[in-house]
Amino acid sequence: MWRPIFSAVGIMLLIMGVQFFLVDEAILADSVLGRRGPATATSSLGGTDYDLLGETGPLASRNFSPPEWAPYSLMSLGTVVLLYALGTRPRS
């Protein structure tokens, strides 16, 4: 039972590490909760983002920039966890 859990966690960490290599900055908008704020979240085409109800307006947003060590650490941790999961013998 533990082998699939460790495999899933290892694969998830590997995917997040690769994703952090590709993303320089992410803008997180609070449109799901319906909170409005002074900041506006705009798309790369210059338009205002829509929330789940289809309404436009200013959305509260936060910028997230992953640190430089995050991709390397997540990929190495995911590799170690995945090797552990694949290296253990399944119980019979």
N, C-alpha and C. Protein backbone atom coordinates (compact mmCIF):
# COMPACT_ATOMS: atom_id res chain seq x y z
N MET A 1 0.81 -1.19 0.00
CA MET A 1 0.00 0.00 0.00
C MET A 1 0.86 1.26 0.00
N TRP A 2 2.01 1.22 0.63
CA TRP A 2 2.86 2.40 0.70
C TRP A 2 3.58 2.68 -0.61
N ARG A 3 3.82 1.64 -1.39
CA ARG A 3 4.56 1.81 -2.64
C ARG A 3 3.85 2.75 -3.62
N PRO A 4 2.54 2.60 -3.86
CA PRO A 4 1.87 3.55 -4.77
C PRO A 4 1.82 4.97 -4.24
N ILE A 5 1.72 5.11 -2.91
CA ILE A 5 1.69 6.46 -2.33
C ILE A 5 3.03 7.15 -2.54
N PHE A 6 4.14 6.44 -2.25
CA PHE A 6 5.46 7.04 -2.46
C PHE A 6 5.73 7.29 -3.94
N SER A 7 5.23 6.42 -4.81
CA SER A 7 5.40 6.64 -6.25
C SER A 7 4.67 7.90 -6.69
N ALA A 8 3.45 8.09 -6.21
CA ALA A 8 2.67 9.27 -6.58
C ALA A 8 3.31 10.55 -6.06
N VAL A 9 3.81 10.52 -4.83
CA VAL A 9 4.46 11.70 -4.26
C VAL A 9 5.74 12.01 -5.03
N GLY A 10 6.52 10.99 -5.38
CA GLY A 10 7.76 11.20 -6.14
C GLY A 10 7.49 11.78 -7.52
N ILE A 11 6.48 11.26 -8.20
CA ILE A 11 6.14 11.78 -9.53
C ILE A 11 5.63 13.21 -9.43
N MET A 12 4.83 13.50 -8.39
CA MET A 12 4.33 14.86 -8.21
C MET A 12 5.47 15.84 -7.97
N LEU A 13 6.45 15.46 -7.14
CA LEU A 13 7.59 16.34 -6.88
C LEU A 13 8.42 16.55 -8.14
N LEU A 14 8.60 15.51 -8.94
CA LEU A 14 9.33 15.66 -10.20
C LEU A 14 8.62 16.62 -11.14
N ILE A 15 7.31 16.48 -11.26
CA ILE A 15 6.55 17.36 -12.15
C ILE A 15 6.60 18.80 -11.67
N MET A 16 6.49 19.01 -10.36
CA MET A 16 6.57 20.38 -9.83
C MET A 16 7.95 20.98 -10.06
N GLY A 17 9.01 20.17 -9.93
CA GLY A 17 10.35 20.67 -10.19
C GLY A 17 10.54 21.08 -11.64
N VAL A 18 10.05 20.28 -12.56
CA VAL A 18 10.14 20.63 -13.98
C VAL A 18 9.31 21.87 -14.27
N GLN A 19 8.16 21.98 -13.64
CA GLN A 19 7.31 23.14 -13.85
C GLN A 19 7.99 24.41 -13.34
N PHE A 20 8.70 24.34 -12.22
CA PHE A 20 9.40 25.51 -11.71
C PHE A 20 10.56 25.92 -12.60
N PHE A 21 11.11 24.98 -13.39
CA PHE A 21 12.12 25.35 -14.37
C PHE A 21 11.51 26.23 -15.47
N LEU A 22 10.26 25.97 -15.81
CA LEU A 22 9.62 26.66 -16.92
C LEU A 22 8.94 27.96 -16.53
N VAL A 23 8.55 28.11 -15.26
CA VAL A 23 7.79 29.28 -14.82
C VAL A 23 8.71 30.24 -14.08
N ASP A 24 8.76 31.48 -14.54
CA ASP A 24 9.54 32.49 -13.83
C ASP A 24 8.72 33.19 -12.76
N GLU A 25 7.46 33.44 -13.05
CA GLU A 25 6.59 34.13 -12.11
C GLU A 25 5.15 33.72 -12.37
N ALA A 26 4.39 33.54 -11.31
CA ALA A 26 2.97 33.21 -11.43
C ALA A 26 2.17 34.28 -10.71
N ILE A 27 1.06 34.68 -11.31
CA ILE A 27 0.16 35.65 -10.70
C ILE A 27 -1.06 34.89 -10.22
N LEU A 28 -1.25 34.86 -8.90
CA LEU A 28 -2.35 34.14 -8.29
C LEU A 28 -3.49 35.11 -8.01
N ALA A 29 -4.64 34.89 -8.62
CA ALA A 29 -5.81 35.75 -8.42
C ALA A 29 -6.80 35.06 -7.50
N ASP A 30 -7.49 35.84 -6.69
CA ASP A 30 -8.48 35.31 -5.76
C ASP A 30 -9.87 35.30 -6.36
N SER A 31 -9.98 34.99 -7.65
CA SER A 31 -11.30 35.02 -8.30
C SER A 31 -12.16 33.85 -7.88
N VAL A 32 -11.56 32.76 -7.43
CA VAL A 32 -12.35 31.59 -7.04
C VAL A 32 -13.19 31.90 -5.80
N LEU A 33 -12.62 32.64 -4.86
CA LEU A 33 -13.34 32.97 -3.64
C LEU A 33 -14.24 34.19 -3.79
N GLY A 34 -14.13 34.88 -4.93
CA GLY A 34 -14.98 36.04 -5.16
C GLY A 34 -14.51 37.28 -4.44
N ARG A 35 -13.29 37.29 -3.93
CA ARG A 35 -12.79 38.47 -3.23
C ARG A 35 -12.31 39.49 -4.26
N ARG A 36 -12.66 40.71 -4.07
CA ARG A 36 -12.24 41.79 -4.96
C ARG A 36 -11.24 42.66 -4.22
N GLY A 37 -10.33 43.21 -4.95
CA GLY A 37 -9.33 44.07 -4.34
C GLY A 37 -8.93 45.18 -5.30
N PRO A 38 -7.98 46.02 -4.90
CA PRO A 38 -7.59 47.14 -5.75
C PRO A 38 -6.78 46.73 -6.97
N ALA A 39 -6.14 45.57 -6.94
CA ALA A 39 -5.31 45.16 -8.07
C ALA A 39 -6.18 44.54 -9.16
N THR A 40 -5.72 44.65 -10.40
CA THR A 40 -6.43 44.01 -11.50
C THR A 40 -5.53 42.95 -12.10
N ALA A 41 -6.09 41.80 -12.37
CA ALA A 41 -5.35 40.72 -13.01
C ALA A 41 -5.65 40.77 -14.49
N THR A 42 -4.63 40.94 -15.30
CA THR A 42 -4.83 41.01 -16.73
C THR A 42 -4.16 39.84 -17.40
N SER A 43 -4.69 39.44 -18.51
CA SER A 43 -4.10 38.34 -19.26
C SER A 43 -2.95 38.87 -20.11
N SER A 44 -2.24 37.96 -20.76
CA SER A 44 -1.11 38.37 -21.57
C SER A 44 -1.55 39.12 -22.82
N LEU A 45 -2.83 39.02 -23.17
CA LEU A 45 -3.34 39.73 -24.34
C LEU A 45 -3.86 41.11 -23.98
N GLY A 46 -3.82 41.48 -22.71
CA GLY A 46 -4.21 42.81 -22.30
C GLY A 46 -5.63 42.92 -21.77
N GLY A 47 -6.42 41.87 -21.83
CA GLY A 47 -7.79 41.91 -21.34
C GLY A 47 -7.86 41.58 -19.86
N THR A 48 -8.99 41.90 -19.25
CA THR A 48 -9.20 41.59 -17.84
C THR A 48 -9.68 40.15 -17.71
N ASP A 49 -9.17 39.43 -16.73
CA ASP A 49 -9.58 38.05 -16.50
C ASP A 49 -11.02 37.98 -16.02
N TYR A 50 -11.66 36.86 -16.31
CA TYR A 50 -13.03 36.62 -15.88
C TYR A 50 -13.03 35.71 -14.67
N ASP A 51 -13.98 35.92 -13.77
CA ASP A 51 -14.11 35.00 -12.65
C ASP A 51 -15.06 33.88 -13.03
N LEU A 52 -15.41 33.03 -12.09
CA LEU A 52 -16.22 31.85 -12.39
C LEU A 52 -17.64 32.19 -12.81
N LEU A 53 -18.15 33.35 -12.41
CA LEU A 53 -19.51 33.72 -12.76
C LEU A 53 -19.58 34.48 -14.07
N GLY A 54 -18.43 34.73 -14.71
CA GLY A 54 -18.42 35.43 -15.97
C GLY A 54 -18.39 36.94 -15.83
N GLU A 55 -18.19 37.44 -14.63
CA GLU A 55 -18.15 38.88 -14.42
C GLU A 55 -16.72 39.37 -14.52
N THR A 56 -16.56 40.59 -14.99
CA THR A 56 -15.23 41.19 -15.04
C THR A 56 -15.12 42.21 -13.93
N GLY A 57 -13.91 42.52 -13.57
CA GLY A 57 -13.69 43.51 -12.53
C GLY A 57 -12.31 43.32 -11.93
N PRO A 58 -11.96 44.21 -11.00
CA PRO A 58 -10.65 44.09 -10.38
C PRO A 58 -10.59 42.87 -9.47
N LEU A 59 -9.51 42.13 -9.58
CA LEU A 59 -9.31 40.94 -8.75
C LEU A 59 -8.10 41.15 -7.86
N ALA A 60 -8.19 40.65 -6.63
CA ALA A 60 -7.03 40.69 -5.75
C ALA A 60 -6.03 39.65 -6.25
N SER A 61 -4.78 40.04 -6.40
CA SER A 61 -3.80 39.10 -6.95
C SER A 61 -2.50 39.18 -6.15
N ARG A 62 -1.76 38.08 -6.21
CA ARG A 62 -0.44 38.00 -5.58
C ARG A 62 0.54 37.44 -6.59
N ASN A 63 1.75 37.95 -6.59
CA ASN A 63 2.80 37.43 -7.46
C ASN A 63 3.61 36.39 -6.69
N PHE A 64 3.85 35.25 -7.34
CA PHE A 64 4.65 34.19 -6.75
C PHE A 64 5.83 33.93 -7.66
N SER A 65 7.03 34.08 -7.13
CA SER A 65 8.24 33.81 -7.88
C SER A 65 9.03 32.73 -7.14
N PRO A 66 9.17 31.53 -7.73
CA PRO A 66 9.87 30.46 -7.00
C PRO A 66 11.36 30.79 -6.85
N PRO A 67 11.95 30.44 -5.71
CA PRO A 67 13.39 30.68 -5.52
C PRO A 67 14.22 29.83 -6.47
N GLU A 68 15.48 30.21 -6.64
CA GLU A 68 16.35 29.52 -7.59
C GLU A 68 16.62 28.07 -7.21
N TRP A 69 16.61 27.76 -5.93
CA TRP A 69 16.93 26.40 -5.49
C TRP A 69 15.74 25.46 -5.59
N ALA A 70 14.53 25.97 -5.77
CA ALA A 70 13.32 25.13 -5.73
C ALA A 70 13.28 24.05 -6.81
N PRO A 71 13.56 24.35 -8.09
CA PRO A 71 13.47 23.28 -9.09
C PRO A 71 14.44 22.14 -8.83
N TYR A 72 15.67 22.48 -8.49
CA TYR A 72 16.68 21.45 -8.24
C TYR A 72 16.33 20.60 -7.02
N SER A 73 15.87 21.25 -5.97
CA SER A 73 15.53 20.52 -4.75
C SER A 73 14.32 19.61 -4.96
N LEU A 74 13.29 20.12 -5.62
CA LEU A 74 12.10 19.31 -5.84
C LEU A 74 12.39 18.12 -6.76
N MET A 75 13.19 18.35 -7.80
CA MET A 75 13.50 17.24 -8.71
C MET A 75 14.37 16.19 -8.03
N SER A 76 15.34 16.62 -7.24
CA SER A 76 16.19 15.63 -6.57
C SER A 76 15.42 14.88 -5.49
N LEU A 77 14.58 15.57 -4.74
CA LEU A 77 13.77 14.90 -3.72
C LEU A 77 12.78 13.93 -4.37
N GLY A 78 12.16 14.34 -5.47
CA GLY A 78 11.24 13.46 -6.17
C GLY A 78 11.94 12.22 -6.72
N THR A 79 13.17 12.40 -7.23
CA THR A 79 13.93 11.26 -7.74
C THR A 79 14.27 10.28 -6.63
N VAL A 80 14.69 10.79 -5.47
CA VAL A 80 15.03 9.92 -4.34
C VAL A 80 13.80 9.17 -3.85
N VAL A 81 12.68 9.85 -3.73
CA VAL A 81 11.46 9.20 -3.25
C VAL A 81 10.98 8.16 -4.26
N LEU A 82 11.07 8.48 -5.55
CA LEU A 82 10.65 7.52 -6.57
C LEU A 82 11.57 6.31 -6.63
N LEU A 83 12.87 6.51 -6.48
CA LEU A 83 13.79 5.38 -6.43
C LEU A 83 13.55 4.52 -5.21
N TYR A 84 13.22 5.13 -4.08
CA TYR A 84 12.88 4.37 -2.88
C TYR A 84 11.63 3.52 -3.12
N ALA A 85 10.62 4.15 -3.74
CA ALA A 85 9.37 3.42 -3.97
C ALA A 85 9.57 2.26 -4.95
N LEU A 86 10.39 2.45 -5.95
CA LEU A 86 10.62 1.38 -6.92
C LEU A 86 11.60 0.34 -6.41
N GLY A 87 12.42 0.71 -5.44
CA GLY A 87 13.41 -0.22 -4.91
C GLY A 87 12.91 -1.13 -3.82
N THR A 88 11.77 -0.81 -3.24
CA THR A 88 11.23 -1.66 -2.18
C THR A 88 10.50 -2.85 -2.78
N ARG A 89 10.58 -3.96 -2.07
CA ARG A 89 9.89 -5.18 -2.53
C ARG A 89 8.43 -5.11 -2.11
N PRO A 90 7.52 -5.43 -3.00
CA PRO A 90 6.11 -5.47 -2.59
C PRO A 90 5.86 -6.69 -1.70
N ARG A 91 5.02 -6.50 -0.72
CA ARG A 91 4.69 -7.61 0.18
C ARG A 91 3.76 -8.59 -0.52
N SER A 92 3.95 -9.85 -0.24
CA SER A 92 3.06 -10.84 -0.86
C SER A 92 2.19 -11.52 0.19
